[in-house]
Amino acid sequence: MGKINFAIIGCGRIAQRHAEHINNNGNLVAVCDIASEKADLLAEKYEAKAFYSIEEMLNSDDLNIDVVAVCSPNGLHAIHSIMSLKSGYHVICEKPMAINVSDCGDMIQEAEKANKRLFAIKQNRFNPPVAAVKQIIDEGKLGKIYSVQLSCFWNRNEDYYKDSWKGTQDMDGGTLFTQFSHFVDLLYWMIGDVRNAYALTGNFAHKNIIDFEDTGVVALEFINGALGTINYTVNSYGKNMEGSLTIFGEKGTVKIGGQYLNELEYQNIEGFKIENLPEGNTANNYGAYQGSMSNHDKIYENLVDVLTNDGVITTNAFEGLKTVEIIEKIYKSAQKLNS
């Protein structure tokens, strides 16, 4: 297999990041957006073909597309992924995989039917301190995990949601889906699956701006017996404050902090010390605010390895589904407890 040919559905902010790494790892041959000016701009930059209809792009015979990157609004991830899989292409889907478990299941089923790969994006797994802590958990250096505390304190102001699908129930789905699904994924990846979630949510500063909560407090019971909390908000005054994960185990305590889980802030581990961590990538920068650490380069390198060298996928679609399942449990509990 020569260089992989990619197409992008959705030409918004995150698509720019995808296009850059596609260009480094393969060929961007087509882009699609119903906003023709967005499609035209991205296509021109990478000498790709612009489309304004997904069906037209997917049915085009002369492009030789191998992989479709789905970068459309959250609520369209499922339908756009399924359309691409049915057309015979592998899919790499931005987070969250979908905004309900049923859609995630349909996506996985369609990938199986088409015998195609469905890649989920979980870039925080590549943050150097996160990867190091995951390794020591797997090696048993922290012993039994007792409890975990996740804090997500970001700022998303009125301008962020203005004239956008973000903030709508149907297309966005909720703050945990759009802002913090990567963080929830890390709980699943590092600690394990969740048996029960108990949550309270509120909308304090975004009334008449968004359809859902801007703040939540969550208690979790993991299947392995560990307990956890998530405290999250997009009301940090003026700017992002912190994205942190603290783990208490029988043989050690560690805290990964910084604005987006990019710094090892504390460690006290029996007979061991994490040292010489490589420098991580910077955050996705969107001008007035930042997102998570930009590790899309590693995701695309893995995709190429999987499709050309029988490499092992770093984040499979089942793990993408599990993140959505945990978020659904949290929101269902919040509905009950808030009503």
C-alpha atoms as a PDB file:
ATOM      1  CA  MET A   1       0.000   0.000   0.000  1.00  0.00           C
ATOM      2  CA  GLY A   2       1.394   3.396  -0.996  1.00  0.00           C
ATOM      3  CA  LYS A   3       0.511   6.672   0.671  1.00  0.00           C
ATOM      4  CA  ILE A   4      -2.954   6.634   2.222  1.00  0.00           C
ATOM      5  CA  ASN A   5      -5.603   8.906   0.693  1.00  0.00           C
ATOM      6  CA  PHE A   6      -7.817  10.789   3.144  1.00  0.00           C
ATOM      7  CA  ALA A   7     -11.041  12.777   2.944  1.00  0.00           C
ATOM      8  CA  ILE A   8     -12.428  15.082   5.655  1.00  0.00           C
ATOM      9  CA  ILE A   9     -16.104  15.635   6.521  1.00  0.00           C
ATOM     10  CA  GLY A  10     -16.570  18.959   8.322  1.00  0.00           C
ATOM     11  CA  CYS A  11     -14.107  21.816   7.764  1.00  0.00           C
ATOM     12  CA  GLY A  12     -14.292  23.642  11.109  1.00  0.00           C
ATOM     13  CA  ARG A  13     -11.535  24.303  13.633  1.00  0.00           C
ATOM     14  CA  ILE A  14     -10.494  20.737  14.456  1.00  0.00           C
ATOM     15  CA  ALA A  15     -10.412  19.825  10.744  1.00  0.00           C
ATOM     16  CA  GLN A  16      -7.444  22.193  10.332  1.00  0.00           C
ATOM     17  CA  ARG A  17      -5.516  20.054  12.820  1.00  0.00           C
ATOM     18  CA  HIS A  18      -6.495  16.849  10.998  1.00  0.00           C
ATOM     19  CA  ALA A  19      -5.531  18.264   7.619  1.00  0.00           C
ATOM     20  CA  GLU A  20      -2.082  19.219   8.872  1.00  0.00           C
ATOM     21  CA  HIS A  21      -1.334  15.701  10.150  1.00  0.00           C
ATOM     22  CA  ILE A  22      -2.967  13.990   7.173  1.00  0.00           C
ATOM     23  CA  ASN A  23      -0.641  16.027   4.983  1.00  0.00           C
ATOM     24  CA  ASN A  24       2.344  14.766   7.012  1.00  0.00           C
ATOM     25  CA  ASN A  25       1.246  11.112   6.880  1.00  0.00           C
ATOM     26  CA  GLY A  26      -0.635  10.711   3.590  1.00  0.00           C
ATOM     27  CA  ASN A  27      -2.594  12.645   0.970  1.00  0.00           C
ATOM     28  CA  LEU A  28      -5.626  14.821   1.613  1.00  0.00           C
ATOM     29  CA  VAL A  29      -7.626  14.312  -1.582  1.00  0.00           C
ATOM     30  CA  ALA A  30     -11.079  15.664  -0.665  1.00  0.00           C
ATOM     31  CA  VAL A  31     -12.888  17.806   1.903  1.00  0.00           C
ATOM     32  CA  CYS A  32     -16.591  18.373   2.445  1.00  0.00           C
ATOM     33  CA  ASP A  33     -18.671  20.982   4.255  1.00  0.00           C
ATOM     34  CA  ILE A  34     -22.145  22.392   3.656  1.00  0.00           C
ATOM     35  CA  ALA A  35     -20.527  25.822   4.197  1.00  0.00           C
ATOM     36  CA  SER A  36     -18.875  26.074   0.785  1.00  0.00           C
ATOM     37  CA  GLU A  37     -16.401  28.797   1.804  1.00  0.00           C
ATOM     38  CA  LYS A  38     -14.985  26.589   4.585  1.00  0.00           C
ATOM     39  CA  ALA A  39     -14.583  23.632   2.223  1.00  0.00           C
ATOM     40  CA  ASP A  40     -13.008  25.827  -0.450  1.00  0.00           C
ATOM     41  CA  LEU A  41     -10.457  27.344   1.924  1.00  0.00           C
ATOM     42  CA  LEU A  42      -9.295  23.991   3.295  1.00  0.00           C
ATOM     43  CA  ALA A  43      -9.243  22.357  -0.131  1.00  0.00           C
ATOM     44  CA  GLU A  44      -7.183  25.183  -1.594  1.00  0.00           C
ATOM     45  CA  LYS A  45      -4.597  25.003   1.184  1.00  0.00           C
ATOM     46  CA  TYR A  46      -3.900  21.299   0.587  1.00  0.00           C
ATOM     47  CA  GLU A  47      -4.725  21.066  -3.132  1.00  0.00           C
ATOM     48  CA  ALA A  48      -7.667  18.797  -2.377  1.00  0.00           C
ATOM     49  CA  LYS A  49     -11.071  18.685  -4.070  1.00  0.00           C
ATOM     50  CA  ALA A  50     -13.900  20.555  -2.319  1.00  0.00           C
ATOM     51  CA  PHE A  51     -17.373  19.043  -1.993  1.00  0.00           C
ATOM     52  CA  TYR A  52     -20.540  20.480  -0.459  1.00  0.00           C
ATOM     53  CA  SER A  53     -22.445  17.164  -0.407  1.00  0.00           C
ATOM     54  CA  ILE A  54     -21.211  14.118   1.519  1.00  0.00           C
ATOM     55  CA  GLU A  55     -22.954  11.682  -0.829  1.00  0.00           C
ATOM     56  CA  GLU A  56     -21.262  13.265  -3.819  1.00  0.00           C
ATOM     57  CA  MET A  57     -17.823  13.001  -2.201  1.00  0.00           C
ATOM     58  CA  LEU A  58     -18.264   9.425  -0.977  1.00  0.00           C
ATOM     59  CA  ASN A  59     -19.562   8.276  -4.353  1.00  0.00           C
ATOM     60  CA  SER A  60     -16.799   9.962  -6.354  1.00  0.00           C
ATOM     61  CA  ASP A  61     -14.910   7.293  -8.324  1.00  0.00           C
ATOM     62  CA  ASP A  62     -11.757   9.209  -9.218  1.00  0.00           C
ATOM     63  CA  LEU A  63     -10.451  10.036  -5.705  1.00  0.00           C
ATOM     64  CA  ASN A  64      -9.376   6.583  -4.436  1.00  0.00           C
ATOM     65  CA  ILE A  65     -10.244   7.503  -0.827  1.00  0.00           C
ATOM     66  CA  ASP A  66      -8.942   5.068   1.810  1.00  0.00           C
ATOM     67  CA  VAL A  67      -9.905   6.829   5.085  1.00  0.00           C
ATOM     68  CA  VAL A  68     -12.550   9.412   5.969  1.00  0.00           C
ATOM     69  CA  ALA A  69     -11.890  11.738   8.933  1.00  0.00           C
ATOM     70  CA  VAL A  70     -15.190  12.717  10.547  1.00  0.00           C
ATOM     71  CA  CYS A  71     -14.814  16.237  11.989  1.00  0.00           C
ATOM     72  CA  SER A  72     -18.456  17.308  11.894  1.00  0.00           C
ATOM     73  CA  PRO A  73     -20.552  18.342  14.958  1.00  0.00           C
ATOM     74  CA  ASN A  74     -20.878  15.675  17.691  1.00  0.00           C
ATOM     75  CA  GLY A  75     -24.485  14.850  16.854  1.00  0.00           C
ATOM     76  CA  LEU A  76     -23.545  13.984  13.261  1.00  0.00           C
ATOM     77  CA  HIS A  77     -20.554  11.732  14.029  1.00  0.00           C
ATOM     78  CA  ALA A  78     -22.622   8.547  13.893  1.00  0.00           C
ATOM     79  CA  ILE A  79     -24.454   9.207  10.631  1.00  0.00           C
ATOM     80  CA  HIS A  80     -21.336  10.502   8.854  1.00  0.00           C
ATOM     81  CA  SER A  81     -19.206   7.580  10.074  1.00  0.00           C
ATOM     82  CA  ILE A  82     -21.842   5.031   9.038  1.00  0.00           C
ATOM     83  CA  MET A  83     -22.225   6.628   5.590  1.00  0.00           C
ATOM     84  CA  SER A  84     -18.433   6.473   5.114  1.00  0.00           C
ATOM     85  CA  LEU A  85     -18.176   2.855   6.300  1.00  0.00           C
ATOM     86  CA  LYS A  86     -21.059   1.802   4.039  1.00  0.00           C
ATOM     87  CA  SER A  87     -19.208   3.414   1.140  1.00  0.00           C
ATOM     88  CA  GLY A  88     -16.254   1.124   1.855  1.00  0.00           C
ATOM     89  CA  TYR A  89     -13.849   3.466   3.667  1.00  0.00           C
ATOM     90  CA  HIS A  90     -12.028   3.247   6.994  1.00  0.00           C
ATOM     91  CA  VAL A  91     -13.081   5.996   9.435  1.00  0.00           C
ATOM     92  CA  ILE A  92     -11.252   8.095  12.009  1.00  0.00           C
ATOM     93  CA  CYS A  93     -13.856   9.862  14.157  1.00  0.00           C
ATOM     94  CA  GLU A  94     -13.269  12.909  16.329  1.00  0.00           C
ATOM     95  CA  LYS A  95     -14.365  12.811  19.947  1.00  0.00           C
ATOM     96  CA  PRO A  96     -16.896  12.029  21.214  1.00  0.00           C
ATOM     97  CA  MET A  97     -17.527   8.976  19.044  1.00  0.00           C
ATOM     98  CA  ALA A  98     -21.253   9.803  19.278  1.00  0.00           C
ATOM     99  CA  ILE A  99     -23.555  11.300  21.901  1.00  0.00           C
ATOM    100  CA  ASN A 100     -25.359   8.096  22.839  1.00  0.00           C
ATOM    101  CA  VAL A 101     -24.350   4.459  23.269  1.00  0.00           C
ATOM    102  CA  SER A 102     -26.880   3.172  20.747  1.00  0.00           C
ATOM    103  CA  ASP A 103     -25.252   5.189  17.937  1.00  0.00           C
ATOM    104  CA  CYS A 104     -21.788   3.965  18.998  1.00  0.00           C
ATOM    105  CA  GLY A 105     -23.052   0.385  18.763  1.00  0.00           C
ATOM    106  CA  ASP A 106     -24.449   1.023  15.264  1.00  0.00           C
ATOM    107  CA  MET A 107     -21.091   2.476  14.180  1.00  0.00           C
ATOM    108  CA  ILE A 108     -19.171  -0.550  15.465  1.00  0.00           C
ATOM    109  CA  GLN A 109     -21.662  -2.931  13.830  1.00  0.00           C
ATOM    110  CA  GLU A 110     -21.339  -1.108  10.491  1.00  0.00           C
ATOM    111  CA  ALA A 111     -17.523  -1.249  10.673  1.00  0.00           C
ATOM    112  CA  GLU A 112     -17.719  -5.002  11.268  1.00  0.00           C
ATOM    113  CA  LYS A 113     -20.164  -5.457   8.362  1.00  0.00           C
ATOM    114  CA  ALA A 114     -17.953  -3.437   6.020  1.00  0.00           C
ATOM    115  CA  ASN A 115     -14.779  -5.110   7.360  1.00  0.00           C
ATOM    116  CA  LYS A 116     -13.289  -1.648   7.874  1.00  0.00           C
ATOM    117  CA  ARG A 117     -11.438   0.013  10.751  1.00  0.00           C
ATOM    118  CA  LEU A 118     -13.118   2.579  12.987  1.00  0.00           C
ATOM    119  CA  PHE A 119     -10.564   4.682  14.875  1.00  0.00           C
ATOM    120  CA  ALA A 120     -11.604   6.713  17.938  1.00  0.00           C
ATOM    121  CA  ILE A 121      -9.557   9.768  18.910  1.00  0.00           C
ATOM    122  CA  LYS A 122      -8.307   9.905  22.507  1.00  0.00           C
ATOM    123  CA  GLN A 123      -5.258  12.102  22.267  1.00  0.00           C
ATOM    124  CA  ASN A 124      -4.720  12.664  26.012  1.00  0.00           C
ATOM    125  CA  ARG A 125      -3.469   9.082  26.314  1.00  0.00           C
ATOM    126  CA  PHE A 126      -0.271  10.266  24.613  1.00  0.00           C
ATOM    127  CA  ASN A 127       0.492  13.059  27.126  1.00  0.00           C
ATOM    128  CA  PRO A 128       3.906  12.014  28.561  1.00  0.00           C
ATOM    129  CA  PRO A 129       2.844  12.059  32.265  1.00  0.00           C
ATOM    130  CA  VAL A 130      -0.392  10.202  31.436  1.00  0.00           C
ATOM    131  CA  ALA A 131       1.464   7.495  29.491  1.00  0.00           C
ATOM    132  CA  ALA A 132       4.012   7.136  32.324  1.00  0.00           C
ATOM    133  CA  VAL A 133       1.345   6.785  35.038  1.00  0.00           C
ATOM    134  CA  LYS A 134      -0.637   4.289  32.935  1.00  0.00           C
ATOM    135  CA  GLN A 135       2.533   2.207  32.613  1.00  0.00           C
ATOM    136  CA  ILE A 136       3.226   2.125  36.359  1.00  0.00           C
ATOM    137  CA  ILE A 137      -0.416   1.212  37.074  1.00  0.00           C
ATOM    138  CA  ASP A 138      -0.172  -1.680  34.590  1.00  0.00           C
ATOM    139  CA  GLU A 139       3.130  -2.780  36.157  1.00  0.00           C
ATOM    140  CA  GLY A 140       1.540  -2.796  39.628  1.00  0.00           C
ATOM    141  CA  LYS A 141       3.824  -0.113  41.036  1.00  0.00           C
ATOM    142  CA  LEU A 142       0.876   1.692  42.682  1.00  0.00           C
ATOM    143  CA  GLY A 143      -0.614  -1.590  43.922  1.00  0.00           C
ATOM    144  CA  LYS A 144      -4.376  -1.676  44.386  1.00  0.00           C
ATOM    145  CA  ILE A 145      -6.029   1.577  43.313  1.00  0.00           C
ATOM    146  CA  TYR A 146      -8.177   2.943  46.131  1.00  0.00           C
ATOM    147  CA  SER A 147      -9.567   6.173  44.722  1.00  0.00           C
ATOM    148  CA  VAL A 148      -9.177   8.771  41.998  1.00  0.00           C
ATOM    149  CA  GLN A 149     -10.052  12.453  41.709  1.00  0.00           C
ATOM    150  CA  LEU A 150     -10.535  14.166  38.350  1.00  0.00           C
ATOM    151  CA  SER A 151     -10.756  17.966  38.189  1.00  0.00           C
ATOM    152  CA  CYS A 152     -11.648  19.812  34.989  1.00  0.00           C
ATOM    153  CA  PHE A 153     -11.733  23.578  35.478  1.00  0.00           C
ATOM    154  CA  TRP A 154     -11.921  25.374  32.126  1.00  0.00           C
ATOM    155  CA  ASN A 155     -13.417  28.530  30.696  1.00  0.00           C
ATOM    156  CA  ARG A 156     -15.856  28.623  27.806  1.00  0.00           C
ATOM    157  CA  ASN A 157     -17.462  32.041  27.450  1.00  0.00           C
ATOM    158  CA  GLU A 158     -20.456  33.323  25.503  1.00  0.00           C
ATOM    159  CA  ASP A 159     -18.329  34.021  22.395  1.00  0.00           C
ATOM    160  CA  TYR A 160     -17.309  30.360  22.227  1.00  0.00           C
ATOM    161  CA  TYR A 161     -20.949  29.285  21.793  1.00  0.00           C
ATOM    162  CA  LYS A 162     -22.097  32.208  19.621  1.00  0.00           C
ATOM    163  CA  ASP A 163     -23.551  31.252  16.204  1.00  0.00           C
ATOM    164  CA  SER A 164     -22.436  27.647  16.666  1.00  0.00           C
ATOM    165  CA  TRP A 165     -23.779  24.112  17.034  1.00  0.00           C
ATOM    166  CA  LYS A 166     -21.871  24.032  20.328  1.00  0.00           C
ATOM    167  CA  GLY A 167     -24.170  24.351  23.303  1.00  0.00           C
ATOM    168  CA  THR A 168     -27.145  22.689  21.588  1.00  0.00           C
ATOM    169  CA  GLN A 169     -28.521  19.452  23.012  1.00  0.00           C
ATOM    170  CA  ASP A 170     -28.876  17.727  19.633  1.00  0.00           C
ATOM    171  CA  MET A 171     -25.494  18.575  18.138  1.00  0.00           C
ATOM    172  CA  ASP A 172     -23.245  19.110  21.187  1.00  0.00           C
ATOM    173  CA  GLY A 173     -24.763  16.770  23.777  1.00  0.00           C
ATOM    174  CA  GLY A 174     -23.287  18.283  26.931  1.00  0.00           C
ATOM    175  CA  THR A 175     -20.155  19.681  28.547  1.00  0.00           C
ATOM    176  CA  LEU A 176     -18.807  16.208  29.342  1.00  0.00           C
ATOM    177  CA  PHE A 177     -19.041  15.243  25.666  1.00  0.00           C
ATOM    178  CA  THR A 178     -17.446  18.299  24.103  1.00  0.00           C
ATOM    179  CA  GLN A 179     -15.012  19.581  26.723  1.00  0.00           C
ATOM    180  CA  PHE A 180     -14.165  16.634  28.932  1.00  0.00           C
ATOM    181  CA  SER A 181     -14.731  13.297  27.151  1.00  0.00           C
ATOM    182  CA  HIS A 182     -10.938  12.831  26.876  1.00  0.00           C
ATOM    183  CA  PHE A 183     -10.687  13.091  30.649  1.00  0.00           C
ATOM    184  CA  VAL A 184     -13.478  10.550  31.187  1.00  0.00           C
ATOM    185  CA  ASP A 185     -11.685   8.220  28.755  1.00  0.00           C
ATOM    186  CA  LEU A 186      -8.586   8.352  30.959  1.00  0.00           C
ATOM    187  CA  LEU A 187     -10.599   7.186  33.971  1.00  0.00           C
ATOM    188  CA  TYR A 188     -11.785   4.171  31.974  1.00  0.00           C
ATOM    189  CA  TRP A 189      -8.323   3.504  30.496  1.00  0.00           C
ATOM    190  CA  MET A 190      -6.365   3.842  33.744  1.00  0.00           C
ATOM    191  CA  ILE A 191      -8.790   2.798  36.496  1.00  0.00           C
ATOM    192  CA  GLY A 192     -11.372   0.624  34.742  1.00  0.00           C
ATOM    193  CA  ASP A 193     -15.060   0.458  33.938  1.00  0.00           C
ATOM    194  CA  VAL A 194     -17.690   2.250  36.038  1.00  0.00           C
ATOM    195  CA  ARG A 195     -20.456   0.371  37.843  1.00  0.00           C
ATOM    196  CA  ASN A 196     -22.409   3.344  39.216  1.00  0.00           C
ATOM    197  CA  ALA A 197     -22.415   7.112  38.822  1.00  0.00           C
ATOM    198  CA  TYR A 198     -24.128   9.675  41.056  1.00  0.00           C
ATOM    199  CA  ALA A 199     -24.202  13.224  39.730  1.00  0.00           C
ATOM    200  CA  LEU A 200     -25.494  16.733  40.350  1.00  0.00           C
ATOM    201  CA  THR A 201     -25.283  19.333  37.585  1.00  0.00           C
ATOM    202  CA  GLY A 202     -26.218  22.980  37.192  1.00  0.00           C
ATOM    203  CA  ASN A 203     -26.136  25.824  34.710  1.00  0.00           C
ATOM    204  CA  PHE A 204     -24.936  28.914  36.535  1.00  0.00           C
ATOM    205  CA  ALA A 205     -23.315  31.266  34.015  1.00  0.00           C
ATOM    206  CA  HIS A 206     -24.659  30.060  30.653  1.00  0.00           C
ATOM    207  CA  LYS A 207     -28.430  30.364  31.000  1.00  0.00           C
ATOM    208  CA  ASN A 208     -30.025  31.114  27.594  1.00  0.00           C
ATOM    209  CA  ILE A 209     -26.618  30.356  26.004  1.00  0.00           C
ATOM    210  CA  ILE A 210     -26.436  26.546  26.245  1.00  0.00           C
ATOM    211  CA  ASP A 211     -29.080  23.810  26.551  1.00  0.00           C
ATOM    212  CA  PHE A 212     -27.340  21.904  29.374  1.00  0.00           C
ATOM    213  CA  GLU A 213     -25.046  22.131  32.384  1.00  0.00           C
ATOM    214  CA  ASP A 214     -21.917  24.252  32.764  1.00  0.00           C
ATOM    215  CA  THR A 215     -20.919  22.571  36.049  1.00  0.00           C
ATOM    216  CA  GLY A 216     -21.104  19.100  37.566  1.00  0.00           C
ATOM    217  CA  VAL A 217     -20.043  17.093  40.601  1.00  0.00           C
ATOM    218  CA  VAL A 218     -19.908  13.327  40.173  1.00  0.00           C
ATOM    219  CA  ALA A 219     -19.211  10.347  42.442  1.00  0.00           C
ATOM    220  CA  LEU A 220     -18.159   7.104  40.748  1.00  0.00           C
ATOM    221  CA  GLU A 221     -17.976   3.487  41.845  1.00  0.00           C
ATOM    222  CA  PHE A 222     -15.663   1.446  39.631  1.00  0.00           C
ATOM    223  CA  ILE A 223     -16.187  -2.262  38.959  1.00  0.00           C
ATOM    224  CA  ASN A 224     -12.827  -3.039  40.626  1.00  0.00           C
ATOM    225  CA  GLY A 225     -14.039  -1.389  43.852  1.00  0.00           C
ATOM    226  CA  ALA A 226     -12.180   1.915  43.520  1.00  0.00           C
ATOM    227  CA  LEU A 227     -14.063   5.145  44.210  1.00  0.00           C
ATOM    228  CA  GLY A 228     -13.775   8.302  42.156  1.00  0.00           C
ATOM    229  CA  THR A 229     -14.935  11.879  41.822  1.00  0.00           C
ATOM    230  CA  ILE A 230     -15.216  14.242  38.886  1.00  0.00           C
ATOM    231  CA  ASN A 231     -15.516  17.970  39.529  1.00  0.00           C
ATOM    232  CA  TYR A 232     -15.956  19.920  36.333  1.00  0.00           C
ATOM    233  CA  THR A 233     -16.934  23.384  35.154  1.00  0.00           C
ATOM    234  CA  VAL A 234     -16.496  25.775  32.235  1.00  0.00           C
ATOM    235  CA  ASN A 235     -16.863  28.717  34.636  1.00  0.00           C
ATOM    236  CA  SER A 236     -13.201  29.187  35.548  1.00  0.00           C
ATOM    237  CA  TYR A 237     -12.975  32.983  35.496  1.00  0.00           C
ATOM    238  CA  GLY A 238     -11.398  34.412  32.357  1.00  0.00           C
ATOM    239  CA  LYS A 239      -9.336  31.411  31.289  1.00  0.00           C
ATOM    240  CA  ASN A 240      -8.677  27.687  31.712  1.00  0.00           C
ATOM    241  CA  MET A 241      -7.339  26.846  35.159  1.00  0.00           C
ATOM    242  CA  GLU A 242      -6.684  23.124  35.496  1.00  0.00           C
ATOM    243  CA  GLY A 243      -7.164  19.626  34.179  1.00  0.00           C
ATOM    244  CA  SER A 244      -5.884  17.223  36.815  1.00  0.00           C
ATOM    245  CA  LEU A 245      -6.034  13.589  37.853  1.00  0.00           C
ATOM    246  CA  THR A 246      -4.982  12.392  41.310  1.00  0.00           C
ATOM    247  CA  ILE A 247      -4.667   8.665  41.997  1.00  0.00           C
ATOM    248  CA  PHE A 248      -4.384   7.115  45.468  1.00  0.00           C
ATOM    249  CA  GLY A 249      -3.041   3.553  45.523  1.00  0.00           C
ATOM    250  CA  GLU A 250      -1.752   1.224  48.242  1.00  0.00           C
ATOM    251  CA  LYS A 251       1.870   1.816  47.167  1.00  0.00           C
ATOM    252  CA  GLY A 252       1.783   5.399  45.974  1.00  0.00           C
ATOM    253  CA  THR A 253       0.048   8.654  45.170  1.00  0.00           C
ATOM    254  CA  VAL A 254       0.419  10.578  41.914  1.00  0.00           C
ATOM    255  CA  LYS A 255      -1.094  13.765  40.538  1.00  0.00           C
ATOM    256  CA  ILE A 256      -1.064  14.777  36.884  1.00  0.00           C
ATOM    257  CA  GLY A 257      -1.985  18.448  36.511  1.00  0.00           C
ATOM    258  CA  GLY A 258      -1.462  21.570  34.457  1.00  0.00           C
ATOM    259  CA  GLN A 259      -4.226  23.058  32.328  1.00  0.00           C
ATOM    260  CA  TYR A 260      -4.734  19.868  30.343  1.00  0.00           C
ATOM    261  CA  LEU A 261      -3.038  16.952  32.152  1.00  0.00           C
ATOM    262  CA  ASN A 262       0.358  17.984  30.847  1.00  0.00           C
ATOM    263  CA  GLU A 263       2.465  18.117  34.032  1.00  0.00           C
ATOM    264  CA  LEU A 264       3.430  15.520  36.655  1.00  0.00           C
ATOM    265  CA  GLU A 265       2.704  17.639  39.724  1.00  0.00           C
ATOM    266  CA  TYR A 266       3.168  15.137  42.551  1.00  0.00           C
ATOM    267  CA  GLN A 267       4.493  11.649  43.059  1.00  0.00           C
ATOM    268  CA  ASN A 268       5.270   9.612  46.132  1.00  0.00           C
ATOM    269  CA  ILE A 269       5.672   5.961  45.135  1.00  0.00           C
ATOM    270  CA  GLU A 270       7.151   3.116  47.150  1.00  0.00           C
ATOM    271  CA  GLY A 271      10.670   2.431  45.855  1.00  0.00           C
ATOM    272  CA  PHE A 272      10.136   4.168  42.511  1.00  0.00           C
ATOM    273  CA  LYS A 273      10.244   7.575  40.845  1.00  0.00           C
ATOM    274  CA  ILE A 274       9.008   8.663  37.416  1.00  0.00           C
ATOM    275  CA  GLU A 275      11.902  10.542  35.806  1.00  0.00           C
ATOM    276  CA  ASN A 276      13.037  12.071  32.501  1.00  0.00           C
ATOM    277  CA  LEU A 277       9.590  12.625  31.032  1.00  0.00           C
ATOM    278  CA  PRO A 278       9.775  13.866  27.420  1.00  0.00           C
ATOM    279  CA  GLU A 279       8.372  17.277  26.592  1.00  0.00           C
ATOM    280  CA  GLY A 280       4.754  17.013  25.500  1.00  0.00           C
ATOM    281  CA  ASN A 281       3.022  18.734  22.601  1.00  0.00           C
ATOM    282  CA  THR A 282       1.343  22.082  23.201  1.00  0.00           C
ATOM    283  CA  ALA A 283      -2.418  22.384  23.592  1.00  0.00           C
ATOM    284  CA  ASN A 284      -4.803  22.795  20.688  1.00  0.00           C
ATOM    285  CA  ASN A 285      -4.916  26.589  20.511  1.00  0.00           C
ATOM    286  CA  TYR A 286      -8.131  28.211  19.285  1.00  0.00           C
ATOM    287  CA  GLY A 287      -7.197  31.832  19.876  1.00  0.00           C
ATOM    288  CA  ALA A 288      -9.175  32.907  22.937  1.00  0.00           C
ATOM    289  CA  TYR A 289      -9.030  29.484  24.570  1.00  0.00           C
ATOM    290  CA  GLN A 290      -7.127  26.209  24.587  1.00  0.00           C
ATOM    291  CA  GLY A 291      -8.236  22.615  24.303  1.00  0.00           C
ATOM    292  CA  SER A 292      -6.438  19.383  25.184  1.00  0.00           C
ATOM    293  CA  MET A 293      -2.847  18.561  24.308  1.00  0.00           C
ATOM    294  CA  SER A 294      -2.494  18.280  20.558  1.00  0.00           C
ATOM    295  CA  ASN A 295      -1.428  14.686  19.946  1.00  0.00           C
ATOM    296  CA  HIS A 296      -3.158  14.132  16.622  1.00  0.00           C
ATOM    297  CA  ASP A 297       0.281  13.508  15.081  1.00  0.00           C
ATOM    298  CA  LYS A 298       0.595  10.313  17.152  1.00  0.00           C
ATOM    299  CA  ILE A 299      -2.951   9.261  16.295  1.00  0.00           C
ATOM    300  CA  TYR A 300      -2.293   9.548  12.561  1.00  0.00           C
ATOM    301  CA  GLU A 301       1.076   7.792  12.870  1.00  0.00           C
ATOM    302  CA  ASN A 302      -0.755   4.917  14.611  1.00  0.00           C
ATOM    303  CA  LEU A 303      -3.460   4.834  11.927  1.00  0.00           C
ATOM    304  CA  VAL A 304      -0.845   4.510   9.173  1.00  0.00           C
ATOM    305  CA  ASP A 305       0.960   1.804  11.170  1.00  0.00           C
ATOM    306  CA  VAL A 306      -2.300  -0.151  11.621  1.00  0.00           C
ATOM    307  CA  LEU A 307      -3.338   0.081   7.959  1.00  0.00           C
ATOM    308  CA  THR A 308       0.078  -0.528   6.384  1.00  0.00           C
ATOM    309  CA  ASN A 309       2.107  -2.581   8.898  1.00  0.00           C
ATOM    310  CA  ASP A 310      -0.528  -4.547  10.875  1.00  0.00           C
ATOM    311  CA  GLY A 311       0.195  -2.288  13.870  1.00  0.00           C
ATOM    312  CA  VAL A 312      -1.889  -2.363  17.058  1.00  0.00           C
ATOM    313  CA  ILE A 313      -4.641   0.261  17.280  1.00  0.00           C
ATOM    314  CA  THR A 314      -4.125   2.657  20.234  1.00  0.00           C
ATOM    315  CA  THR A 315      -7.818   3.435  20.780  1.00  0.00           C
ATOM    316  CA  ASN A 316     -10.443   1.128  19.364  1.00  0.00           C
ATOM    317  CA  ALA A 317     -14.102   1.883  18.805  1.00  0.00           C
ATOM    318  CA  PHE A 318     -15.178  -0.195  21.821  1.00  0.00           C
ATOM    319  CA  GLU A 319     -13.184   2.150  24.073  1.00  0.00           C
ATOM    320  CA  GLY A 320     -14.842   5.106  22.350  1.00  0.00           C
ATOM    321  CA  LEU A 321     -18.211   3.528  23.188  1.00  0.00           C
ATOM    322  CA  LYS A 322     -17.224   3.003  26.850  1.00  0.00           C
ATOM    323  CA  THR A 323     -16.485   6.727  27.283  1.00  0.00           C
ATOM    324  CA  VAL A 324     -19.937   7.574  25.919  1.00  0.00           C
ATOM    325  CA  GLU A 325     -21.511   4.922  28.157  1.00  0.00           C
ATOM    326  CA  ILE A 326     -19.932   6.410  31.303  1.00  0.00           C
ATOM    327  CA  ILE A 327     -21.027   9.936  30.325  1.00  0.00           C
ATOM    328  CA  GLU A 328     -24.567   8.639  29.699  1.00  0.00           C
ATOM    329  CA  LYS A 329     -24.594   7.071  33.191  1.00  0.00           C
ATOM    330  CA  ILE A 330     -23.541  10.412  34.686  1.00  0.00           C
ATOM    331  CA  TYR A 331     -26.218  12.367  32.822  1.00  0.00           C
ATOM    332  CA  LYS A 332     -28.949   9.837  33.645  1.00  0.00           C
ATOM    333  CA  SER A 333     -28.079  10.110  37.329  1.00  0.00           C
ATOM    334  CA  ALA A 334     -28.066  13.917  37.141  1.00  0.00           C
ATOM    335  CA  GLN A 335     -31.547  13.905  35.570  1.00  0.00           C
ATOM    336  CA  LYS A 336     -32.834  11.765  38.438  1.00  0.00           C
ATOM    337  CA  LEU A 337     -31.118  13.693  41.234  1.00  0.00           C
ATOM    338  CA  ASN A 338     -31.875  17.129  39.768  1.00  0.00           C
ATOM    339  CA  SER A 339     -35.555  16.398  39.179  1.00  0.00           C
END
